[in-house]
Amino acid sequence: MNKEEIFNRAEIRKIEFDGEWYFRLSDLKDILNEDLSEVKTIVLPFMIDGERINTECADYESIKNGRKKTDFDKKIIQALNFKPERKK
């Protein structure tokens, strides 16, 4: 999911803070069905059903960098970083 897709999904709550958009992590967990425990977060207030709730949020870069990589993803990254001249 790219930033625009996340931003346009109505079920993902978002808030602008300090000139950056932050997304509610629990909403993303439900949609992505992934473990996002390694994503760097900050706590921001959200108004939910008229009640102010402090919740964990993350910007897009933190989400992208903190998502756990599958073995397949790790192998692709390893292949992309392969430099034959290093292997002697």
N, C-alpha and C. Protein backbone atom coordinates (compact mmCIF):
# COMPACT_ATOMS: atom_id res chain seq x y z
N MET A 1 0.84 -1.17 0.00
CA MET A 1 0.00 0.00 0.00
C MET A 1 0.89 1.24 0.00
N ASN A 2 0.64 2.14 -0.93
CA ASN A 2 1.45 3.36 -0.94
C ASN A 2 0.77 4.44 -0.11
N LYS A 3 1.46 5.56 0.02
CA LYS A 3 0.97 6.63 0.90
C LYS A 3 -0.39 7.15 0.46
N GLU A 4 -0.58 7.30 -0.83
CA GLU A 4 -1.86 7.82 -1.34
C GLU A 4 -3.01 6.86 -1.03
N GLU A 5 -2.76 5.56 -1.18
CA GLU A 5 -3.79 4.57 -0.87
C GLU A 5 -4.17 4.61 0.61
N ILE A 6 -3.17 4.70 1.46
CA ILE A 6 -3.43 4.78 2.90
C ILE A 6 -4.20 6.06 3.21
N PHE A 7 -3.77 7.16 2.61
CA PHE A 7 -4.39 8.45 2.88
C PHE A 7 -5.85 8.48 2.43
N ASN A 8 -6.16 7.82 1.33
CA ASN A 8 -7.52 7.86 0.78
C ASN A 8 -8.49 6.87 1.39
N ARG A 9 -8.00 5.93 2.19
CA ARG A 9 -8.90 4.96 2.83
C ARG A 9 -9.62 5.63 4.00
N ALA A 10 -10.93 5.69 3.92
CA ALA A 10 -11.74 6.36 4.94
C ALA A 10 -11.64 5.67 6.30
N GLU A 11 -11.43 4.36 6.31
CA GLU A 11 -11.41 3.64 7.58
C GLU A 11 -10.08 3.79 8.32
N ILE A 12 -9.09 4.41 7.69
CA ILE A 12 -7.82 4.69 8.37
C ILE A 12 -7.86 6.14 8.86
N ARG A 13 -7.92 6.28 10.18
CA ARG A 13 -7.96 7.63 10.74
C ARG A 13 -6.58 8.26 10.64
N LYS A 14 -6.58 9.55 10.36
CA LYS A 14 -5.33 10.27 10.19
C LYS A 14 -5.42 11.63 10.84
N ILE A 15 -4.25 12.18 11.16
CA ILE A 15 -4.20 13.49 11.79
C ILE A 15 -2.92 14.18 11.33
N GLU A 16 -3.04 15.47 11.09
CA GLU A 16 -1.86 16.24 10.72
C GLU A 16 -1.24 16.81 11.99
N PHE A 17 0.06 16.60 12.13
CA PHE A 17 0.78 17.09 13.30
C PHE A 17 2.15 17.57 12.85
N ASP A 18 2.44 18.80 13.17
CA ASP A 18 3.75 19.39 12.85
C ASP A 18 4.09 19.28 11.37
N GLY A 19 3.08 19.50 10.52
CA GLY A 19 3.28 19.49 9.08
C GLY A 19 3.39 18.12 8.44
N GLU A 20 3.14 17.07 9.20
CA GLU A 20 3.25 15.70 8.70
C GLU A 20 1.96 14.95 9.00
N TRP A 21 1.56 14.05 8.11
CA TRP A 21 0.37 13.24 8.34
C TRP A 21 0.74 11.97 9.09
N TYR A 22 -0.04 11.67 10.12
CA TYR A 22 0.14 10.46 10.91
C TYR A 22 -1.12 9.62 10.82
N PHE A 23 -0.93 8.31 10.79
CA PHE A 23 -2.03 7.37 10.63
C PHE A 23 -2.16 6.52 11.89
N ARG A 24 -3.41 6.25 12.26
CA ARG A 24 -3.68 5.47 13.47
C ARG A 24 -3.24 4.02 13.24
N LEU A 25 -2.32 3.57 14.05
CA LEU A 25 -1.70 2.27 13.84
C LEU A 25 -2.70 1.11 13.96
N SER A 26 -3.62 1.20 14.89
CA SER A 26 -4.57 0.09 15.06
C SER A 26 -5.46 -0.06 13.82
N ASP A 27 -5.79 1.04 13.14
CA ASP A 27 -6.56 0.96 11.90
C ASP A 27 -5.75 0.24 10.82
N LEU A 28 -4.47 0.58 10.74
CA LEU A 28 -3.60 -0.05 9.74
C LEU A 28 -3.41 -1.55 10.01
N LYS A 29 -3.27 -1.91 11.29
CA LYS A 29 -3.10 -3.31 11.65
C LYS A 29 -4.29 -4.13 11.15
N ASP A 30 -5.49 -3.59 11.34
CA ASP A 30 -6.70 -4.30 10.93
C ASP A 30 -6.75 -4.49 9.42
N ILE A 31 -6.36 -3.47 8.67
CA ILE A 31 -6.45 -3.53 7.22
C ILE A 31 -5.32 -4.37 6.62
N LEU A 32 -4.10 -4.15 7.09
CA LEU A 32 -2.95 -4.85 6.54
C LEU A 32 -2.81 -6.28 7.07
N ASN A 33 -3.44 -6.53 8.21
CA ASN A 33 -3.36 -7.84 8.87
C ASN A 33 -1.90 -8.25 9.04
N GLU A 34 -1.10 -7.31 9.58
CA GLU A 34 0.33 -7.53 9.79
C GLU A 34 0.72 -7.14 11.21
N ASP A 35 1.84 -7.68 11.63
CA ASP A 35 2.43 -7.28 12.89
C ASP A 35 3.20 -5.98 12.66
N LEU A 36 2.76 -4.91 13.25
CA LEU A 36 3.41 -3.61 13.09
C LEU A 36 4.11 -3.19 14.37
N SER A 37 4.51 -4.16 15.18
CA SER A 37 5.11 -3.85 16.48
C SER A 37 6.47 -3.17 16.36
N GLU A 38 7.12 -3.27 15.22
CA GLU A 38 8.42 -2.64 15.05
C GLU A 38 8.34 -1.24 14.44
N VAL A 39 7.13 -0.77 14.18
CA VAL A 39 6.94 0.56 13.61
C VAL A 39 7.14 1.60 14.71
N LYS A 40 7.95 2.61 14.41
CA LYS A 40 8.19 3.71 15.35
C LYS A 40 6.92 4.58 15.41
N THR A 41 6.39 4.78 16.61
CA THR A 41 5.12 5.50 16.77
C THR A 41 5.26 6.69 17.71
N ILE A 42 4.26 7.56 17.63
CA ILE A 42 4.08 8.62 18.62
C ILE A 42 2.62 8.56 19.05
N VAL A 43 2.32 9.11 20.21
CA VAL A 43 0.95 9.12 20.71
C VAL A 43 0.34 10.49 20.41
N LEU A 44 -0.81 10.46 19.73
CA LEU A 44 -1.52 11.68 19.37
C LEU A 44 -2.99 11.53 19.76
N PRO A 45 -3.67 12.67 20.03
CA PRO A 45 -5.08 12.60 20.42
C PRO A 45 -6.00 12.50 19.20
N PHE A 46 -7.00 11.65 19.30
CA PHE A 46 -8.03 11.52 18.27
C PHE A 46 -9.39 11.72 18.92
N MET A 47 -10.30 12.33 18.19
CA MET A 47 -11.69 12.43 18.64
C MET A 47 -12.44 11.26 18.02
N ILE A 48 -12.87 10.33 18.87
CA ILE A 48 -13.60 9.16 18.41
C ILE A 48 -14.91 9.10 19.17
N ASP A 49 -16.00 9.20 18.43
CA ASP A 49 -17.35 9.21 19.02
C ASP A 49 -17.47 10.30 20.09
N GLY A 50 -16.89 11.47 19.80
CA GLY A 50 -16.98 12.61 20.70
C GLY A 50 -16.07 12.53 21.91
N GLU A 51 -15.24 11.52 21.96
CA GLU A 51 -14.33 11.34 23.10
C GLU A 51 -12.89 11.44 22.62
N ARG A 52 -12.08 12.17 23.39
CA ARG A 52 -10.66 12.31 23.04
C ARG A 52 -9.90 11.08 23.53
N ILE A 53 -9.25 10.42 22.58
CA ILE A 53 -8.51 9.20 22.90
C ILE A 53 -7.08 9.36 22.39
N ASN A 54 -6.12 9.14 23.28
CA ASN A 54 -4.72 9.14 22.88
C ASN A 54 -4.39 7.78 22.28
N THR A 55 -3.81 7.80 21.09
CA THR A 55 -3.56 6.54 20.39
C THR A 55 -2.24 6.58 19.65
N GLU A 56 -1.66 5.39 19.41
CA GLU A 56 -0.39 5.29 18.70
C GLU A 56 -0.60 5.59 17.23
N CYS A 57 0.28 6.43 16.69
CA CYS A 57 0.23 6.82 15.29
C CYS A 57 1.63 6.76 14.70
N ALA A 58 1.68 6.69 13.39
CA ALA A 58 2.98 6.67 12.70
C ALA A 58 2.84 7.38 11.36
N ASP A 59 3.94 7.99 10.93
CA ASP A 59 3.93 8.59 9.60
C ASP A 59 4.24 7.49 8.58
N TYR A 60 4.08 7.82 7.30
CA TYR A 60 4.22 6.82 6.25
C TYR A 60 5.62 6.20 6.24
N GLU A 61 6.65 7.00 6.36
CA GLU A 61 8.03 6.48 6.32
C GLU A 61 8.27 5.49 7.46
N SER A 62 7.76 5.79 8.64
CA SER A 62 7.93 4.88 9.78
C SER A 62 7.20 3.57 9.53
N ILE A 63 6.04 3.65 8.92
CA ILE A 63 5.27 2.44 8.61
C ILE A 63 6.02 1.61 7.58
N LYS A 64 6.47 2.26 6.54
CA LYS A 64 7.18 1.56 5.46
C LYS A 64 8.45 0.89 5.99
N ASN A 65 9.21 1.60 6.81
CA ASN A 65 10.47 1.06 7.32
C ASN A 65 10.29 0.05 8.44
N GLY A 66 9.18 0.11 9.17
CA GLY A 66 8.98 -0.75 10.32
C GLY A 66 8.23 -2.03 10.05
N ARG A 67 7.66 -2.17 8.85
CA ARG A 67 6.92 -3.40 8.54
C ARG A 67 7.89 -4.56 8.48
N LYS A 68 7.47 -5.67 9.08
CA LYS A 68 8.32 -6.86 9.06
C LYS A 68 8.39 -7.40 7.64
N LYS A 69 9.57 -7.82 7.27
CA LYS A 69 9.78 -8.32 5.93
C LYS A 69 9.68 -9.84 5.92
N THR A 70 9.03 -10.36 4.89
CA THR A 70 8.94 -11.81 4.73
C THR A 70 10.29 -12.33 4.26
N ASP A 71 10.46 -13.64 4.31
CA ASP A 71 11.70 -14.24 3.80
C ASP A 71 11.89 -13.90 2.33
N PHE A 72 10.80 -13.87 1.58
CA PHE A 72 10.87 -13.52 0.17
C PHE A 72 11.38 -12.09 0.00
N ASP A 73 10.83 -11.16 0.79
CA ASP A 73 11.28 -9.76 0.74
C ASP A 73 12.76 -9.65 1.06
N LYS A 74 13.21 -10.39 2.06
CA LYS A 74 14.62 -10.36 2.46
C LYS A 74 15.52 -10.86 1.33
N LYS A 75 15.09 -11.91 0.64
CA LYS A 75 15.87 -12.45 -0.48
C LYS A 75 15.92 -11.47 -1.65
N ILE A 76 14.82 -10.81 -1.92
CA ILE A 76 14.79 -9.80 -2.99
C ILE A 76 15.75 -8.67 -2.66
N ILE A 77 15.70 -8.18 -1.44
CA ILE A 77 16.61 -7.10 -1.02
C ILE A 77 18.05 -7.55 -1.12
N GLN A 78 18.32 -8.78 -0.70
CA GLN A 78 19.67 -9.31 -0.78
C GLN A 78 20.13 -9.38 -2.24
N ALA A 79 19.25 -9.82 -3.13
CA ALA A 79 19.60 -9.90 -4.55
C ALA A 79 19.83 -8.51 -5.15
N LEU A 80 19.01 -7.56 -4.76
CA LEU A 80 19.17 -6.20 -5.28
C LEU A 80 20.47 -5.56 -4.81
N ASN A 81 20.93 -5.96 -3.65
CA ASN A 81 22.16 -5.39 -3.09
C ASN A 81 23.40 -6.19 -3.47
N PHE A 82 23.23 -7.29 -4.21
CA PHE A 82 24.36 -8.14 -4.58
C PHE A 82 25.30 -7.40 -5.53
N LYS A 83 26.57 -7.43 -5.19
CA LYS A 83 27.60 -6.82 -6.03
C LYS A 83 28.66 -7.89 -6.29
N PRO A 84 28.72 -8.41 -7.51
CA PRO A 84 29.65 -9.51 -7.82
C PRO A 84 31.11 -9.17 -7.52
N GLU A 85 31.48 -7.91 -7.64
CA GLU A 85 32.88 -7.55 -7.40
C GLU A 85 33.29 -7.73 -5.94
N ARG A 86 32.33 -7.76 -5.03
CA ARG A 86 32.63 -8.01 -3.62
C ARG A 86 32.92 -9.48 -3.36
N LYS A 87 32.39 -10.34 -4.17
CA LYS A 87 32.51 -11.79 -3.98
C LYS A 87 33.77 -12.29 -4.68
N LYS A 88 34.83 -12.50 -3.93
CA LYS A 88 36.10 -12.99 -4.51
C LYS A 88 36.69 -14.08 -3.68
